[in-house]
Amino acid sequence: MKNNLLIISLCFFGFFATMEAQELVPISKLDVLLKVSEGNQTLKISDEDFKQARADYRQTNAIFLPNITASHTGISTTNPLMAFGSKLNQEILTQNDFNPALLNNPSHTQNFATKFEVQQPLLNLDGIYQRKAAKSKMDAMSLQSQRTKEYLALEVEKAYMQLQLAYKGVAVLEKALEAALSNKKLAENSFKQGYLQRADVLNVEVHVTEVQNQLQTAQSNVQNASNYLSFLMNDASYVVYQPSDSLTVSKIDLKEASIVSENRADIKAMASVSNAYDAMNKADKMAFLPRLNAFGSYELYDDQIFQGDANGYLFGAQLSWDLFQGSKRLGKTQKSKSEFEKSKLQYEHYVSQSNLELNKTKRALTDAENRLNLTNLALNQSKESLRIRTNRFKEGLEKTSDLLMAETQYAQKQLEYYQTVFEYNYTQAYLAFLTKE
């Protein structure tokens, strides 16, 4: 009995020592989802991508809003033309300034000009389509950000179930080790009484060692699953988590769908991207048309800094037309047309691939449900077989090898069952993810 207690203590010493070094924190799936939504780095990156696209869209307001600038310029000159013009702008010309000697050789002249300029676009067709393209890109990034949130919710579901599965593995192997140690004690007693050979006892001891190794791996799986949850939540403490609920078969109300909905966020994002390329192609075509812009300025002049005794204004409109740019615009239009056609093909390919994945997942769910029923049946059968063989072994009617095989099989069937429960639950969650609108 003392030997058995020593083995158990040594087996769990490493695990519990690790638990002491790391805080054991109970956590629920809702807690994980909340922390992921607040701190996940992927979500933050997606949000920044959307902000960049929104900023690009806001830049296109320039096709409607005026461009206003202000400047203050000071010069000092003896250039005849500049000196005469400066005095003219300052409204200080006199009859004496028209003296040819002064005109040709003016004295030192200072001029300070304060100028306010306004440029107002009136007709800019290519800019309008560029704005539409930026709006489509912004919509695509918003939809992609939404899909990223949905994907991370699925990843949380998977990671949390992996943690539950890891704890189930530990529980199964702890019971398997307990049973193995109990049978080891029976084998040693039978050996002392001459009912078993030394080789049988050694086989039992080997089996105990194997279960201990499997248990150690299962305990490491708990830490690995906890670390992945910490990664998803952007938690650098990397504590060991304990799920607040156990792994059980769940039923999700799934939507019946033969094909993937075009209202799914990622598919709508692909459509928005294609619309953006379409708008850019139209913008390149509109670049062949003229542009109409209005402009105006108000100017203040003086020979003293930051003064303005003289003033004047100017306004007008300009119709400009780039007739030929060495086939540059033609090549640009052809490229944007090809990009638009490519985006349509990519959209169709993505939808087709999504439908393929949907059909594959629906079949996988049916297979998982069948495996769930079969593994449950096999688990019950192996449990009953172990019970019978254990009773017969206690009475000396069963071989040691058969008992060890029954113990191993029962532990394997338990692990297979919980693995199947995990696969069944995750497949349901993944199918809901694929059919989400």
Protein backbone atom coordinates (compact mmCIF):
# COMPACT_ATOMS: atom_id res chain seq x y z
CA MET A 1 0.00 0.00 0.00
CA LYS A 2 2.85 2.35 0.86
CA ASN A 3 4.46 1.60 -2.50
CA ASN A 4 1.24 2.45 -4.33
CA LEU A 5 0.91 5.75 -2.49
CA LEU A 6 4.53 6.57 -3.32
CA ILE A 7 3.98 5.91 -7.02
CA ILE A 8 0.85 8.09 -7.07
CA SER A 9 2.68 10.87 -5.25
CA LEU A 10 5.62 10.76 -7.67
CA CYS A 11 3.29 10.71 -10.68
CA PHE A 12 1.36 13.80 -9.65
CA PHE A 13 4.22 15.66 -8.03
CA GLY A 14 5.43 17.25 -11.25
CA PHE A 15 1.94 18.26 -12.34
CA PHE A 16 0.91 19.75 -9.02
CA ALA A 17 4.27 21.48 -8.67
CA THR A 18 3.63 23.14 -12.01
CA MET A 19 0.13 24.10 -10.89
CA GLU A 20 1.60 25.70 -7.80
CA ALA A 21 4.04 27.71 -9.92
CA GLN A 22 1.23 28.80 -12.22
CA GLU A 23 -2.08 30.12 -11.00
CA LEU A 24 -5.05 27.83 -11.68
CA VAL A 25 -7.87 30.05 -12.94
CA PRO A 26 -11.45 28.89 -13.55
CA ILE A 27 -12.91 30.34 -16.73
CA SER A 28 -16.08 30.06 -18.81
CA LYS A 29 -16.50 30.29 -22.56
CA LEU A 30 -18.32 33.62 -22.21
CA ASP A 31 -15.37 35.00 -20.27
CA VAL A 32 -13.01 33.94 -23.06
CA LEU A 33 -15.22 35.50 -25.74
CA LEU A 34 -15.39 38.77 -23.83
CA LYS A 35 -11.62 38.96 -23.29
CA VAL A 36 -10.92 38.02 -26.92
CA SER A 37 -13.24 40.77 -28.15
CA GLU A 38 -11.39 43.28 -25.96
CA GLY A 39 -7.76 42.28 -26.37
CA ASN A 40 -7.19 39.99 -29.35
CA GLN A 41 -4.42 41.31 -31.60
CA THR A 42 -5.97 40.00 -34.81
CA LEU A 43 -9.15 41.96 -34.09
CA LYS A 44 -7.13 45.10 -33.40
CA ILE A 45 -5.23 44.69 -36.67
CA SER A 46 -8.52 44.19 -38.54
CA ASP A 47 -9.92 47.33 -36.92
CA GLU A 48 -6.86 49.34 -37.98
CA ASP A 49 -7.26 48.06 -41.56
CA PHE A 50 -10.83 49.36 -41.53
CA LYS A 51 -9.71 52.73 -40.16
CA GLN A 52 -7.17 53.04 -42.98
CA ALA A 53 -9.84 52.28 -45.59
CA ARG A 54 -12.19 54.80 -43.94
CA ALA A 55 -9.44 57.43 -43.99
CA ASP A 56 -8.88 56.77 -47.72
CA TYR A 57 -12.60 57.27 -48.32
CA ARG A 58 -12.64 60.53 -46.37
CA GLN A 59 -9.79 61.82 -48.52
CA THR A 60 -12.12 61.64 -51.53
CA ASN A 61 -14.24 64.43 -49.98
CA ALA A 62 -11.76 66.67 -51.81
CA ILE A 63 -13.78 66.28 -55.05
CA PHE A 64 -16.66 68.24 -53.41
CA LEU A 65 -14.98 70.47 -50.85
CA PRO A 66 -12.80 73.51 -51.61
CA ASN A 67 -9.07 73.65 -51.17
CA ILE A 68 -8.21 76.78 -49.15
CA THR A 69 -4.67 78.07 -48.57
CA ALA A 70 -3.19 81.18 -46.96
CA SER A 71 0.30 82.58 -47.39
CA HIS A 72 2.37 85.63 -46.45
CA THR A 73 5.35 86.47 -48.65
CA GLY A 74 7.97 89.17 -48.24
CA ILE A 75 10.47 90.32 -50.89
CA SER A 76 13.11 93.00 -51.30
CA THR A 77 14.15 93.82 -54.87
CA THR A 78 15.77 96.25 -57.30
CA ASN A 79 14.46 94.35 -60.32
CA PRO A 80 12.69 96.94 -62.51
CA LEU A 81 9.66 94.81 -63.30
CA MET A 82 9.25 93.47 -59.76
CA ALA A 83 9.74 96.90 -58.17
CA PHE A 84 7.16 98.56 -60.45
CA GLY A 85 4.68 95.72 -59.94
CA SER A 86 5.12 95.81 -56.16
CA LYS A 87 4.34 99.51 -56.02
CA LEU A 88 1.39 98.97 -58.32
CA ASN A 89 -0.01 96.26 -56.05
CA GLN A 90 0.57 98.48 -52.99
CA GLU A 91 -1.33 101.30 -54.77
CA ILE A 92 1.47 103.80 -54.08
CA LEU A 93 2.50 104.70 -57.67
CA THR A 94 3.04 108.39 -58.35
CA GLN A 95 3.68 110.39 -61.49
CA ASN A 96 7.38 110.47 -60.64
CA ASP A 97 7.55 106.65 -60.75
CA PHE A 98 7.05 106.78 -64.52
CA ASN A 99 10.38 108.57 -64.93
CA PRO A 100 12.39 106.33 -67.31
CA ALA A 101 15.48 106.66 -65.15
CA LEU A 102 13.59 105.37 -62.11
CA LEU A 103 11.85 102.70 -64.14
CA ASN A 104 15.14 101.35 -65.47
CA ASN A 105 17.09 101.71 -62.25
CA PRO A 106 14.63 101.60 -59.34
CA SER A 107 15.64 102.06 -55.74
CA HIS A 108 15.41 99.29 -53.13
CA THR A 109 11.74 98.21 -52.92
CA GLN A 110 10.03 96.02 -50.30
CA ASN A 111 6.77 94.19 -50.75
CA PHE A 112 4.75 92.03 -48.34
CA ALA A 113 1.80 90.08 -49.71
CA THR A 114 -0.89 88.20 -47.79
CA LYS A 115 -2.84 85.88 -50.06
CA PHE A 116 -5.93 83.70 -49.54
CA GLU A 117 -6.63 81.17 -52.31
CA VAL A 118 -9.68 78.99 -52.90
CA GLN A 119 -9.91 76.15 -55.45
CA GLN A 120 -13.33 74.54 -55.88
CA PRO A 121 -13.85 71.41 -58.03
CA LEU A 122 -17.01 71.68 -60.13
CA LEU A 123 -16.93 68.69 -62.46
CA ASN A 124 -14.53 65.79 -61.82
CA LEU A 125 -16.09 62.56 -63.10
CA ASP A 126 -13.07 60.34 -62.56
CA GLY A 127 -12.89 61.60 -58.97
CA ILE A 128 -16.52 60.62 -58.38
CA TYR A 129 -15.82 57.02 -59.42
CA GLN A 130 -12.63 56.97 -57.37
CA ARG A 131 -14.78 57.95 -54.40
CA LYS A 132 -17.14 55.07 -55.14
CA ALA A 133 -14.18 52.70 -55.27
CA ALA A 134 -12.93 53.95 -51.90
CA LYS A 135 -16.42 53.51 -50.43
CA SER A 136 -16.59 49.91 -51.70
CA LYS A 137 -13.15 49.20 -50.25
CA MET A 138 -14.22 50.62 -46.89
CA ASP A 139 -17.36 48.47 -46.93
CA ALA A 140 -15.26 45.42 -47.78
CA MET A 141 -12.93 46.06 -44.84
CA SER A 142 -15.90 46.50 -42.50
CA LEU A 143 -17.38 43.19 -43.64
CA GLN A 144 -14.00 41.48 -43.41
CA SER A 145 -13.62 42.78 -39.86
CA GLN A 146 -17.02 41.32 -39.04
CA ARG A 147 -16.01 37.96 -40.50
CA THR A 148 -12.78 38.05 -38.51
CA LYS A 149 -14.84 38.41 -35.32
CA GLU A 150 -16.97 35.43 -36.36
CA TYR A 151 -13.88 33.36 -37.09
CA LEU A 152 -12.34 34.19 -33.73
CA ALA A 153 -15.60 33.20 -32.02
CA LEU A 154 -15.27 29.83 -33.77
CA GLU A 155 -11.63 29.61 -32.73
CA VAL A 156 -12.58 30.33 -29.13
CA GLU A 157 -15.18 27.56 -29.33
CA LYS A 158 -12.53 25.17 -30.58
CA ALA A 159 -9.84 26.22 -28.09
CA TYR A 160 -12.24 26.02 -25.14
CA MET A 161 -13.36 22.53 -26.17
CA GLN A 162 -9.72 21.51 -26.53
CA LEU A 163 -9.19 22.59 -22.93
CA GLN A 164 -12.25 20.57 -21.87
CA LEU A 165 -10.96 17.59 -23.84
CA ALA A 166 -7.53 17.88 -22.21
CA TYR A 167 -9.10 17.77 -18.73
CA LYS A 168 -11.20 14.77 -19.77
CA GLY A 169 -8.02 13.03 -20.86
CA VAL A 170 -6.41 13.71 -17.51
CA ALA A 171 -9.48 12.41 -15.65
CA VAL A 172 -9.61 9.21 -17.74
CA LEU A 173 -5.94 8.46 -17.29
CA GLU A 174 -6.03 9.23 -13.57
CA LYS A 175 -8.72 6.58 -13.17
CA ALA A 176 -6.78 4.24 -15.45
CA LEU A 177 -3.70 4.71 -13.29
CA GLU A 178 -5.72 4.10 -10.15
CA ALA A 179 -7.08 0.85 -11.61
CA ALA A 180 -3.61 -0.18 -12.85
CA LEU A 181 -2.13 0.33 -9.39
CA SER A 182 -4.95 -1.64 -7.81
CA ASN A 183 -4.38 -4.52 -10.21
CA LYS A 184 -0.64 -4.25 -9.58
CA LYS A 185 -1.31 -4.79 -5.90
CA LEU A 186 -3.50 -7.83 -6.69
CA ALA A 187 -0.80 -9.20 -8.98
CA GLU A 188 1.88 -8.81 -6.30
CA ASN A 189 -0.33 -10.59 -3.74
CA SER A 190 -1.04 -13.40 -6.20
CA PHE A 191 2.68 -13.68 -6.94
CA LYS A 192 3.44 -14.00 -3.24
CA GLN A 193 0.83 -16.75 -3.00
CA GLY A 194 2.31 -18.53 -6.01
CA TYR A 195 -0.61 -17.97 -8.36
CA LEU A 196 1.32 -15.74 -10.78
CA GLN A 197 4.78 -15.72 -12.23
CA ARG A 198 7.24 -12.88 -11.94
CA ALA A 199 6.82 -12.10 -15.65
CA ASP A 200 3.11 -11.37 -15.08
CA VAL A 201 3.94 -8.89 -12.33
CA LEU A 202 6.48 -7.20 -14.57
CA ASN A 203 3.88 -6.86 -17.32
CA VAL A 204 1.57 -5.14 -14.87
CA GLU A 205 4.35 -2.78 -13.80
CA VAL A 206 5.12 -1.95 -17.44
CA HIS A 207 1.45 -1.17 -17.95
CA VAL A 208 1.49 1.17 -14.93
CA THR A 209 4.50 3.00 -16.38
CA GLU A 210 2.78 3.40 -19.75
CA VAL A 211 -0.31 4.89 -18.12
CA GLN A 212 1.90 7.27 -16.13
CA ASN A 213 3.56 8.46 -19.33
CA GLN A 214 0.18 8.98 -21.01
CA LEU A 215 -1.04 10.91 -17.99
CA GLN A 216 2.00 13.18 -18.12
CA THR A 217 1.25 13.92 -21.78
CA ALA A 218 -2.38 14.65 -20.94
CA GLN A 219 -1.30 17.08 -18.22
CA SER A 220 0.95 18.85 -20.74
CA ASN A 221 -2.04 19.10 -23.08
CA VAL A 222 -3.90 21.03 -20.36
CA GLN A 223 -1.09 23.56 -20.23
CA ASN A 224 -0.87 23.79 -24.01
CA ALA A 225 -4.62 24.41 -24.33
CA SER A 226 -4.45 27.02 -21.55
CA ASN A 227 -1.56 28.79 -23.26
CA TYR A 228 -3.47 28.97 -26.54
CA LEU A 229 -6.44 30.55 -24.76
CA SER A 230 -4.04 33.08 -23.24
CA PHE A 231 -2.71 33.82 -26.73
CA LEU A 232 -6.22 34.39 -28.08
CA MET A 233 -7.02 36.72 -25.18
CA ASN A 234 -3.64 38.50 -25.50
CA ASP A 235 -2.89 37.59 -21.88
CA ALA A 236 0.83 37.43 -21.18
CA SER A 237 0.41 35.82 -17.75
CA TYR A 238 -0.12 32.34 -19.30
CA VAL A 239 -1.91 30.88 -16.30
CA VAL A 240 -3.43 27.38 -16.32
CA TYR A 241 -7.17 27.61 -16.95
CA GLN A 242 -9.85 25.27 -15.70
CA PRO A 243 -13.12 25.22 -17.68
CA SER A 244 -16.23 25.97 -15.65
CA ASP A 245 -18.17 23.24 -17.48
CA SER A 246 -17.33 19.79 -18.79
CA LEU A 247 -17.19 18.44 -22.33
CA THR A 248 -20.58 17.03 -23.29
CA VAL A 249 -22.48 16.43 -26.51
CA SER A 250 -24.11 19.69 -27.63
CA LYS A 251 -26.85 20.32 -30.14
CA ILE A 252 -26.83 23.46 -32.26
CA ASP A 253 -29.90 24.62 -34.17
CA LEU A 254 -28.33 24.62 -37.62
CA LYS A 255 -29.78 26.38 -40.61
CA GLU A 256 -30.59 24.11 -43.53
CA ALA A 257 -28.67 25.42 -46.53
CA SER A 258 -27.84 23.71 -49.79
CA ILE A 259 -25.51 26.53 -50.85
CA VAL A 260 -23.57 29.24 -49.09
CA SER A 261 -25.54 32.45 -48.62
CA GLU A 262 -24.34 35.48 -50.56
CA ASN A 263 -25.19 37.53 -47.45
CA ARG A 264 -22.31 35.96 -45.53
CA ALA A 265 -19.92 38.70 -44.45
CA ASP A 266 -16.80 37.43 -46.25
CA ILE A 267 -18.69 36.81 -49.50
CA LYS A 268 -20.23 40.29 -49.37
CA ALA A 269 -16.71 41.61 -48.77
CA MET A 270 -15.50 39.87 -51.93
CA ALA A 271 -18.41 41.42 -53.85
CA SER A 272 -17.49 44.87 -52.49
CA VAL A 273 -13.89 44.38 -53.61
CA SER A 274 -15.11 43.54 -57.10
CA ASN A 275 -17.30 46.67 -57.08
CA ALA A 276 -14.27 48.72 -56.10
CA TYR A 277 -12.31 47.42 -59.10
CA ASP A 278 -15.30 48.16 -61.34
CA ALA A 279 -15.45 51.74 -60.07
CA MET A 280 -11.69 52.19 -60.59
CA ASN A 281 -12.02 51.02 -64.17
CA LYS A 282 -14.80 53.54 -64.78
CA ALA A 283 -12.69 56.23 -63.14
CA ASP A 284 -9.84 55.50 -65.56
CA LYS A 285 -12.30 55.81 -68.46
CA MET A 286 -13.66 59.11 -67.12
CA ALA A 287 -10.10 60.48 -67.03
CA PHE A 288 -10.43 60.99 -70.81
CA LEU A 289 -13.09 63.67 -70.17
CA PRO A 290 -12.35 67.32 -69.26
CA ARG A 291 -12.39 68.71 -65.72
CA LEU A 292 -14.01 71.95 -64.61
CA ASN A 293 -12.69 73.81 -61.56
CA ALA A 294 -13.33 77.25 -60.09
CA PHE A 295 -10.65 79.32 -58.40
CA GLY A 296 -10.36 82.60 -56.57
CA SER A 297 -7.98 84.63 -54.43
CA TYR A 298 -7.98 87.67 -52.16
CA GLU A 299 -4.67 89.53 -51.76
CA LEU A 300 -3.34 92.17 -49.35
CA TYR A 301 -0.16 94.21 -50.14
CA ASP A 302 2.02 96.59 -48.11
CA ASP A 303 5.64 97.63 -47.72
CA GLN A 304 5.46 96.68 -44.02
CA ILE A 305 5.29 93.13 -42.69
CA PHE A 306 1.85 91.84 -41.71
CA GLN A 307 0.15 94.96 -43.04
CA GLY A 308 -2.32 95.32 -45.89
CA ASP A 309 -3.20 98.85 -46.94
CA ALA A 310 -3.87 97.70 -50.53
CA ASN A 311 -6.02 94.76 -51.58
CA GLY A 312 -7.49 93.02 -54.57
CA TYR A 313 -9.28 89.84 -55.62
CA LEU A 314 -9.36 87.41 -58.51
CA PHE A 315 -11.81 84.66 -59.43
CA GLY A 316 -12.54 82.51 -62.45
CA ALA A 317 -13.07 79.02 -63.79
CA GLN A 318 -10.87 76.62 -65.73
CA LEU A 319 -11.88 73.85 -68.11
CA SER A 320 -8.87 71.55 -68.60
CA TRP A 321 -8.57 68.54 -70.85
CA ASP A 322 -5.56 66.23 -71.07
CA LEU A 323 -5.79 65.21 -74.69
CA PHE A 324 -2.90 62.76 -74.85
CA GLN A 325 -0.43 61.35 -72.31
CA GLY A 326 1.58 59.04 -74.52
CA SER A 327 -0.92 56.11 -74.20
CA LYS A 328 -0.39 56.09 -70.41
CA ARG A 329 -4.10 56.42 -69.67
CA LEU A 330 -5.00 53.79 -72.23
CA GLY A 331 -2.68 51.25 -70.62
CA LYS A 332 -3.97 52.19 -67.16
CA THR A 333 -7.55 51.63 -68.30
CA GLN A 334 -6.69 48.23 -69.77
CA LYS A 335 -4.99 47.21 -66.52
CA SER A 336 -7.95 48.26 -64.34
CA LYS A 337 -10.29 46.40 -66.69
CA SER A 338 -8.22 43.24 -66.26
CA GLU A 339 -8.18 43.71 -62.47
CA PHE A 340 -11.98 43.98 -62.48
CA GLU A 341 -12.37 40.81 -64.53
CA LYS A 342 -9.91 39.03 -62.24
CA SER A 343 -11.90 40.12 -59.16
CA LYS A 344 -15.08 38.64 -60.64
CA LEU A 345 -13.32 35.34 -61.26
CA GLN A 346 -11.93 35.38 -57.72
CA TYR A 347 -15.42 35.99 -56.34
CA GLU A 348 -16.89 33.08 -58.29
CA HIS A 349 -13.98 30.85 -57.25
CA TYR A 350 -14.39 31.80 -53.59
CA VAL A 351 -18.13 31.10 -53.64
CA SER A 352 -17.56 27.76 -55.36
CA GLN A 353 -14.87 26.83 -52.87
CA SER A 354 -17.14 27.84 -49.98
CA ASN A 355 -19.95 25.63 -51.31
CA LEU A 356 -17.48 22.77 -51.62
CA GLU A 357 -16.44 23.28 -47.98
CA LEU A 358 -20.10 23.45 -46.93
CA ASN A 359 -20.95 20.11 -48.55
CA LYS A 360 -17.81 18.53 -47.13
CA THR A 361 -18.65 19.75 -43.61
CA LYS A 362 -22.25 18.50 -43.82
CA ARG A 363 -20.97 15.03 -44.68
CA ALA A 364 -18.37 15.31 -41.91
CA LEU A 365 -21.15 16.09 -39.42
CA THR A 366 -23.09 13.00 -40.47
CA ASP A 367 -19.94 10.89 -40.14
CA ALA A 368 -19.18 12.40 -36.72
CA GLU A 369 -22.69 11.63 -35.50
CA ASN A 370 -22.34 8.01 -36.63
CA ARG A 371 -18.93 7.73 -34.95
CA LEU A 372 -20.39 9.21 -31.79
CA ASN A 373 -23.00 6.47 -31.58
CA LEU A 374 -20.49 3.73 -32.38
CA THR A 375 -17.82 4.94 -29.95
CA ASN A 376 -20.44 5.24 -27.21
CA LEU A 377 -21.48 1.65 -27.85
CA ALA A 378 -17.85 0.48 -27.91
CA LEU A 379 -17.20 2.37 -24.67
CA ASN A 380 -20.04 0.60 -22.87
CA GLN A 381 -18.92 -2.76 -24.22
CA SER A 382 -15.29 -2.25 -23.18
CA LYS A 383 -16.41 -1.09 -19.74
CA GLU A 384 -18.45 -4.26 -19.23
CA SER A 385 -15.63 -6.40 -20.57
CA LEU A 386 -13.18 -4.83 -18.11
CA ARG A 387 -15.59 -5.38 -15.21
CA ILE A 388 -15.93 -9.08 -16.05
CA ARG A 389 -12.21 -9.61 -16.57
CA THR A 390 -11.35 -7.77 -13.34
CA ASN A 391 -13.69 -9.97 -11.32
CA ARG A 392 -12.31 -13.09 -12.95
CA PHE A 393 -8.73 -11.92 -12.34
CA LYS A 394 -9.47 -11.44 -8.64
CA GLU A 395 -10.66 -15.05 -8.57
CA GLY A 396 -7.57 -16.24 -10.44
CA LEU A 397 -9.59 -17.20 -13.53
CA GLU A 398 -8.19 -14.59 -15.96
CA LYS A 399 -4.79 -14.14 -17.53
CA THR A 400 -2.83 -11.04 -16.62
CA SER A 401 -2.30 -10.16 -20.29
CA ASP A 402 -6.04 -10.27 -20.96
CA LEU A 403 -6.73 -7.98 -18.02
CA LEU A 404 -4.08 -5.52 -19.14
CA MET A 405 -5.51 -5.54 -22.64
CA ALA A 406 -9.00 -4.87 -21.26
CA GLU A 407 -7.71 -1.97 -19.15
CA THR A 408 -5.88 -0.47 -22.11
CA GLN A 409 -8.88 -0.88 -24.37
CA TYR A 410 -11.27 0.75 -21.90
CA ALA A 411 -8.99 3.77 -21.48
CA GLN A 412 -8.60 4.06 -25.25
CA LYS A 413 -12.35 3.85 -25.81
CA GLN A 414 -12.96 6.58 -23.26
CA LEU A 415 -10.41 8.84 -24.94
CA GLU A 416 -11.83 8.00 -28.38
CA TYR A 417 -15.34 8.81 -27.18
CA TYR A 418 -14.40 12.23 -25.82
CA GLN A 419 -12.35 12.94 -28.95
CA THR A 420 -15.43 12.10 -31.03
CA VAL A 421 -17.59 14.37 -28.85
CA PHE A 422 -15.09 17.16 -29.51
CA GLU A 423 -15.12 16.51 -33.26
CA TYR A 424 -18.92 16.36 -33.36
CA ASN A 425 -19.36 19.60 -31.41
CA TYR A 426 -16.71 21.43 -33.42
CA THR A 427 -18.14 20.25 -36.75
CA GLN A 428 -21.52 21.63 -35.71
CA ALA A 429 -19.92 24.95 -34.78
CA TYR A 430 -17.98 25.06 -38.06
CA LEU A 431 -21.12 24.32 -40.06
CA ALA A 432 -22.90 27.17 -38.26
CA PHE A 433 -19.93 29.38 -39.14
CA LEU A 434 -20.20 28.45 -42.83
CA THR A 435 -23.96 29.09 -42.98
CA LYS A 436 -23.92 32.30 -40.95
CA GLU A 437 -25.40 35.38 -42.60
